[in-house]
Amino acid sequence: MKKIIINADDYGLTPSVSKGIRNAHLNGILTSTTAMATGFSIENDAKLLINECPFLGVGVHLTLTSVPSVLPKNQISTLVNNNGDFFSIKELIANNESIDEIELYNEWKAQIEKLLTLGLSIGHLDSHHYVCYLNKKTINVMIKLAKEYNFSVRAPASPNRCETLKRDAESLLNKEGIKFPSIFYDDFTKQEGELNVLLELLRFDNNPANIEILSHAGIVDSLLEEISSLTHSRETELKSLCDEKIINLVNESADIQLTTFKKMFNN
């Protein structure tokens, strides 16, 4: 049997993104989401998630780009630009060797603690723009936090598209006993939420396997259009996740078990 997590990133980024994620869970096959500690609507969205979606798995979407930091800029000088903002992903890749591991640990721990304080029950770690797998420092800090909190993590996917780093990360995760799905698919998001792509991912022959399928389901609002290049495809993803063909396939298949990180790894 294939155990499949369908996870939507960016919970708390904007009110409509979060609403779309809740809809994809309540009316579709979404099983998990990862929350941004400094998303622009996370405080209210966390309350709505707890009240409306008690069975939706939740992780921490660790950030080093796009949204504000939790800690003040004078405490994380190697993680921010001259304006005190996180770097863009291109700037971060260019400056990745200058990251201070202690500053990174403190910032990411603060992000985890903020979400826990908001009442969310956390099961795993992943990251915006895959920055957990940016270099050996980010991998080490992610592993340290995963062990500290007993979290599982997303399977390695490097923003540098470095296969050597990806293999090294997998080896280190296994050595440290950190659990992660054996297969990670981001094709659904890359293909802009096409229904046929999702159908194909759910039908593939890797059996049995522990799998995560990435989603960026959501609803577009004016704030999202200002801050993200990923906009209207989120609504296509939402529609596909709630499509009758998808729901019927999952309900009728004896080979598919939808699950969360916590349930998959009993953590």
Protein backbone atom coordinates (compact mmCIF):
# COMPACT_ATOMS: atom_id res chain seq x y z
CA MET A 1 0.00 0.00 0.00
CA LYS A 2 1.20 3.49 -0.86
CA LYS A 3 1.12 5.86 2.11
CA ILE A 4 0.73 9.36 0.67
CA ILE A 5 0.99 12.75 2.33
CA ILE A 6 -0.44 15.60 0.27
CA ASN A 7 1.02 18.74 1.79
CA ALA A 8 0.23 22.37 1.00
CA ASP A 9 3.01 24.86 1.72
CA ASP A 10 2.62 28.51 2.80
CA TYR A 11 -0.17 28.32 5.40
CA GLY A 12 -0.50 31.75 7.00
CA LEU A 13 1.09 33.60 4.09
CA THR A 14 -2.16 35.47 3.34
CA PRO A 15 -5.77 34.99 4.50
CA SER A 16 -6.93 33.67 1.13
CA VAL A 17 -4.03 31.27 0.71
CA SER A 18 -4.87 29.79 4.12
CA LYS A 19 -8.59 29.66 3.31
CA GLY A 20 -7.82 27.74 0.13
CA ILE A 21 -5.69 25.25 2.06
CA ARG A 22 -8.47 24.65 4.57
CA ASN A 23 -10.93 24.16 1.69
CA ALA A 24 -8.57 21.65 0.03
CA HIS A 25 -8.60 19.62 3.24
CA LEU A 26 -12.29 19.92 4.09
CA ASN A 27 -13.56 19.37 0.54
CA GLY A 28 -10.70 17.48 -1.08
CA ILE A 29 -7.79 15.14 -0.40
CA LEU A 30 -5.26 17.47 1.23
CA THR A 31 -3.89 15.85 4.39
CA SER A 32 -1.17 18.22 5.60
CA THR A 33 0.07 21.80 5.51
CA THR A 34 3.15 23.69 6.62
CA ALA A 35 2.78 27.03 8.36
CA MET A 36 4.94 30.13 8.01
CA ALA A 37 5.68 31.62 11.44
CA THR A 38 5.80 35.14 10.05
CA GLY A 39 3.21 34.76 7.33
CA PHE A 40 1.15 37.93 7.06
CA SER A 41 -1.99 36.37 8.56
CA ILE A 42 -0.64 33.48 10.64
CA GLU A 43 -2.09 34.53 14.01
CA ASN A 44 -5.71 34.49 12.88
CA ASP A 45 -5.19 31.65 10.41
CA ALA A 46 -3.78 29.42 13.16
CA LYS A 47 -7.00 29.87 15.15
CA LEU A 48 -9.12 29.03 12.11
CA LEU A 49 -7.05 25.93 11.38
CA ILE A 50 -7.37 24.64 14.94
CA ASN A 51 -11.13 25.23 14.98
CA GLU A 52 -12.02 24.10 11.46
CA CYS A 53 -9.43 21.43 10.59
CA PRO A 54 -8.51 19.37 13.67
CA PHE A 55 -7.37 16.41 11.54
CA LEU A 56 -5.14 18.37 9.16
CA GLY A 57 -1.46 17.56 9.74
CA VAL A 58 0.71 20.62 10.41
CA GLY A 59 4.42 21.27 9.95
CA VAL A 60 6.75 24.25 10.12
CA HIS A 61 7.61 25.92 6.81
CA LEU A 62 11.01 27.25 7.86
CA THR A 63 11.87 30.48 6.07
CA LEU A 64 14.95 32.44 5.09
CA THR A 65 13.32 34.32 2.19
CA SER A 66 10.16 36.24 1.23
CA VAL A 67 8.63 36.91 4.66
CA PRO A 68 9.93 38.75 7.76
CA SER A 69 12.11 37.07 10.36
CA VAL A 70 10.98 36.32 13.91
CA LEU A 71 14.15 37.58 15.58
CA PRO A 72 15.31 41.21 15.21
CA LYS A 73 17.87 41.88 12.51
CA ASN A 74 20.68 42.69 14.96
CA GLN A 75 20.51 39.07 16.19
CA ILE A 76 20.66 37.49 12.71
CA SER A 77 23.02 39.76 10.76
CA THR A 78 24.26 36.96 8.45
CA LEU A 79 20.71 36.07 7.40
CA VAL A 80 19.53 39.50 6.26
CA ASN A 81 20.47 42.22 3.79
CA ASN A 82 21.39 45.82 4.55
CA ASN A 83 17.71 46.69 4.99
CA GLY A 84 17.31 44.01 7.63
CA ASP A 85 15.16 41.82 5.36
CA PHE A 86 15.70 38.19 4.49
CA PHE A 87 17.52 37.79 1.16
CA SER A 88 15.73 36.80 -2.03
CA ILE A 89 16.37 33.17 -2.93
CA LYS A 90 18.95 34.22 -5.55
CA GLU A 91 20.74 36.45 -3.03
CA LEU A 92 20.63 33.70 -0.41
CA ILE A 93 22.19 31.17 -2.76
CA ALA A 94 24.92 33.69 -3.60
CA ASN A 95 25.59 34.44 0.09
CA ASN A 96 24.94 30.99 1.55
CA GLU A 97 28.50 30.38 2.79
CA SER A 98 28.32 33.43 5.08
CA ILE A 99 25.40 32.03 7.11
CA ASP A 100 26.19 31.77 10.81
CA GLU A 101 24.96 28.42 12.13
CA ILE A 102 24.12 29.74 15.60
CA GLU A 103 22.08 32.62 14.19
CA LEU A 104 20.28 30.20 11.88
CA TYR A 105 19.49 27.82 14.73
CA ASN A 106 18.15 30.65 16.88
CA GLU A 107 15.93 32.02 14.09
CA TRP A 108 14.49 28.67 13.07
CA LYS A 109 13.93 27.65 16.69
CA ALA A 110 12.09 30.95 17.21
CA GLN A 111 9.90 30.16 14.19
CA ILE A 112 9.03 26.73 15.62
CA GLU A 113 8.32 28.14 19.06
CA LYS A 114 6.06 30.86 17.69
CA LEU A 115 3.86 28.31 15.93
CA LEU A 116 3.75 26.11 19.02
CA THR A 117 2.75 29.14 21.08
CA LEU A 118 -0.11 29.74 18.65
CA GLY A 119 -1.42 26.30 19.62
CA LEU A 120 -0.49 24.33 16.50
CA SER A 121 0.43 20.65 16.90
CA ILE A 122 3.56 20.26 14.79
CA GLY A 123 4.66 17.02 13.13
CA HIS A 124 7.43 17.86 10.68
CA LEU A 125 9.80 20.41 9.20
CA ASP A 126 10.18 21.60 5.64
CA SER A 127 11.22 24.94 4.18
CA HIS A 128 10.32 27.76 1.82
CA HIS A 129 12.33 27.47 -1.40
CA TYR A 130 13.86 24.24 0.00
CA VAL A 131 16.37 26.28 2.02
CA CYS A 132 16.76 23.52 4.62
CA TYR A 133 18.84 21.78 1.96
CA LEU A 134 20.75 24.85 0.82
CA ASN A 135 24.13 23.75 2.23
CA LYS A 136 25.67 21.67 5.01
CA LYS A 137 24.96 24.37 7.61
CA THR A 138 21.24 24.51 6.91
CA ILE A 139 21.04 20.72 6.82
CA ASN A 140 22.85 20.46 10.16
CA VAL A 141 20.56 23.01 11.82
CA MET A 142 17.43 21.35 10.47
CA ILE A 143 18.62 17.97 11.77
CA LYS A 144 19.47 19.43 15.17
CA LEU A 145 15.98 20.90 15.49
CA ALA A 146 14.27 17.76 14.18
CA LYS A 147 16.05 15.70 16.84
CA GLU A 148 15.33 18.27 19.54
CA TYR A 149 11.57 18.29 18.83
CA ASN A 150 11.21 14.72 17.51
CA PHE A 151 10.02 15.91 14.08
CA SER A 152 10.21 14.14 10.76
CA VAL A 153 11.27 16.18 7.70
CA ARG A 154 10.63 16.58 4.00
CA ALA A 155 12.81 14.45 1.76
CA PRO A 156 15.88 16.29 0.39
CA ALA A 157 15.23 18.67 -2.49
CA SER A 158 18.06 21.14 -3.10
CA PRO A 159 17.40 24.74 -4.21
CA ASN A 160 20.85 24.54 -5.83
CA ARG A 161 19.72 21.49 -7.82
CA CYS A 162 22.85 19.80 -6.48
CA GLU A 163 22.49 16.03 -6.63
CA THR A 164 25.63 15.47 -4.54
CA LEU A 165 24.24 17.63 -1.73
CA LYS A 166 20.92 15.80 -1.98
CA ARG A 167 22.60 12.40 -1.63
CA ASP A 168 24.75 13.64 1.26
CA ALA A 169 21.64 14.96 3.01
CA GLU A 170 19.83 11.64 2.64
CA SER A 171 22.84 9.81 4.06
CA LEU A 172 23.09 12.18 7.02
CA LEU A 173 19.36 12.00 7.78
CA ASN A 174 19.55 8.21 7.83
CA LYS A 175 22.66 8.27 10.01
CA GLU A 176 20.98 10.59 12.53
CA GLY A 177 17.74 8.62 12.54
CA ILE A 178 15.59 11.43 11.13
CA LYS A 179 12.51 10.09 9.35
CA PHE A 180 11.44 11.34 5.93
CA PRO A 181 9.27 10.04 3.06
CA SER A 182 11.15 7.87 0.59
CA ILE A 183 9.71 9.76 -2.39
CA PHE A 184 9.00 13.46 -2.85
CA TYR A 185 7.06 14.77 -5.85
CA ASP A 186 6.74 18.45 -6.72
CA ASP A 187 5.42 17.82 -10.25
CA PHE A 188 1.87 18.84 -9.31
CA THR A 189 2.96 22.36 -8.42
CA LYS A 190 5.49 22.55 -11.27
CA GLN A 191 2.74 21.67 -13.74
CA GLU A 192 0.49 24.39 -12.30
CA GLY A 193 -1.98 22.10 -10.60
CA GLU A 194 -3.04 20.11 -13.66
CA LEU A 195 -5.64 17.48 -12.74
CA ASN A 196 -4.09 14.82 -14.98
CA VAL A 197 -0.70 15.28 -13.29
CA LEU A 198 -2.23 14.61 -9.88
CA LEU A 199 -4.14 11.60 -11.20
CA GLU A 200 -0.92 10.18 -12.64
CA LEU A 201 1.01 10.73 -9.41
CA LEU A 202 -1.64 8.87 -7.45
CA ARG A 203 -1.67 5.98 -9.93
CA PHE A 204 2.08 5.35 -10.26
CA ASP A 205 3.45 1.86 -9.63
CA ASN A 206 5.94 2.45 -6.79
CA ASN A 207 4.30 0.12 -4.34
CA PRO A 208 4.66 0.13 -1.42
CA ALA A 209 6.23 3.51 -0.70
CA ASN A 210 6.09 6.47 1.67
CA ILE A 211 5.39 9.49 -0.49
CA GLU A 212 4.86 13.24 -0.17
CA ILE A 213 3.13 15.16 -2.96
CA LEU A 214 3.75 18.90 -2.76
CA SER A 215 0.95 21.38 -3.29
CA HIS A 216 0.57 25.14 -3.23
CA ALA A 217 -3.23 25.19 -3.10
CA GLY A 218 -4.78 28.51 -2.23
CA ILE A 219 -7.03 31.37 -3.26
CA VAL A 220 -5.56 34.52 -4.77
CA ASP A 221 -5.93 37.86 -3.00
CA SER A 222 -4.37 41.25 -3.66
CA LEU A 223 -1.67 40.74 -1.02
CA LEU A 224 -0.57 37.49 -2.63
CA GLU A 225 -0.29 39.21 -6.01
CA GLU A 226 2.03 41.79 -4.41
CA ILE A 227 4.39 39.35 -2.71
CA SER A 228 4.45 36.15 -4.76
CA SER A 229 4.98 35.07 -8.34
CA LEU A 230 2.95 31.93 -7.63
CA THR A 231 -0.65 33.10 -7.85
CA HIS A 232 -3.48 31.75 -10.01
CA SER A 233 -2.05 28.25 -10.34
CA ARG A 234 -2.83 27.90 -6.61
CA GLU A 235 -6.53 28.03 -7.46
CA THR A 236 -6.05 25.39 -10.16
CA GLU A 237 -4.38 23.17 -7.58
CA LEU A 238 -7.27 23.72 -5.16
CA LYS A 239 -9.78 22.78 -7.84
CA SER A 240 -7.84 19.62 -8.76
CA LEU A 241 -7.51 18.50 -5.13
CA CYS A 242 -11.29 18.74 -4.74
CA ASP A 243 -12.16 17.21 -8.12
CA GLU A 244 -14.63 14.31 -8.04
CA LYS A 245 -12.28 12.13 -10.12
CA ILE A 246 -9.53 12.53 -7.53
CA ILE A 247 -11.82 11.86 -4.58
CA ASN A 248 -13.27 8.77 -6.26
CA LEU A 249 -9.82 7.43 -7.13
CA VAL A 250 -8.67 7.71 -3.54
CA ASN A 251 -11.88 6.27 -2.09
CA GLU A 252 -11.97 3.33 -4.50
CA SER A 253 -8.29 2.38 -4.44
CA ALA A 254 -7.11 -0.34 -2.09
CA ASP A 255 -3.50 0.73 -2.77
CA ILE A 256 -3.70 4.32 -1.49
CA GLN A 257 -3.69 5.42 2.12
CA LEU A 258 -3.73 9.17 2.63
CA THR A 259 -1.93 10.20 5.79
CA THR A 260 0.06 12.87 7.64
CA PHE A 261 3.71 13.04 8.71
CA LYS A 262 2.77 12.27 12.32
CA LYS A 263 0.79 9.19 11.36
CA MET A 264 3.33 7.99 8.82
CA PHE A 265 6.18 8.10 11.33
CA ASN A 266 4.30 7.78 14.64
CA ASN A 267 5.91 10.92 16.08
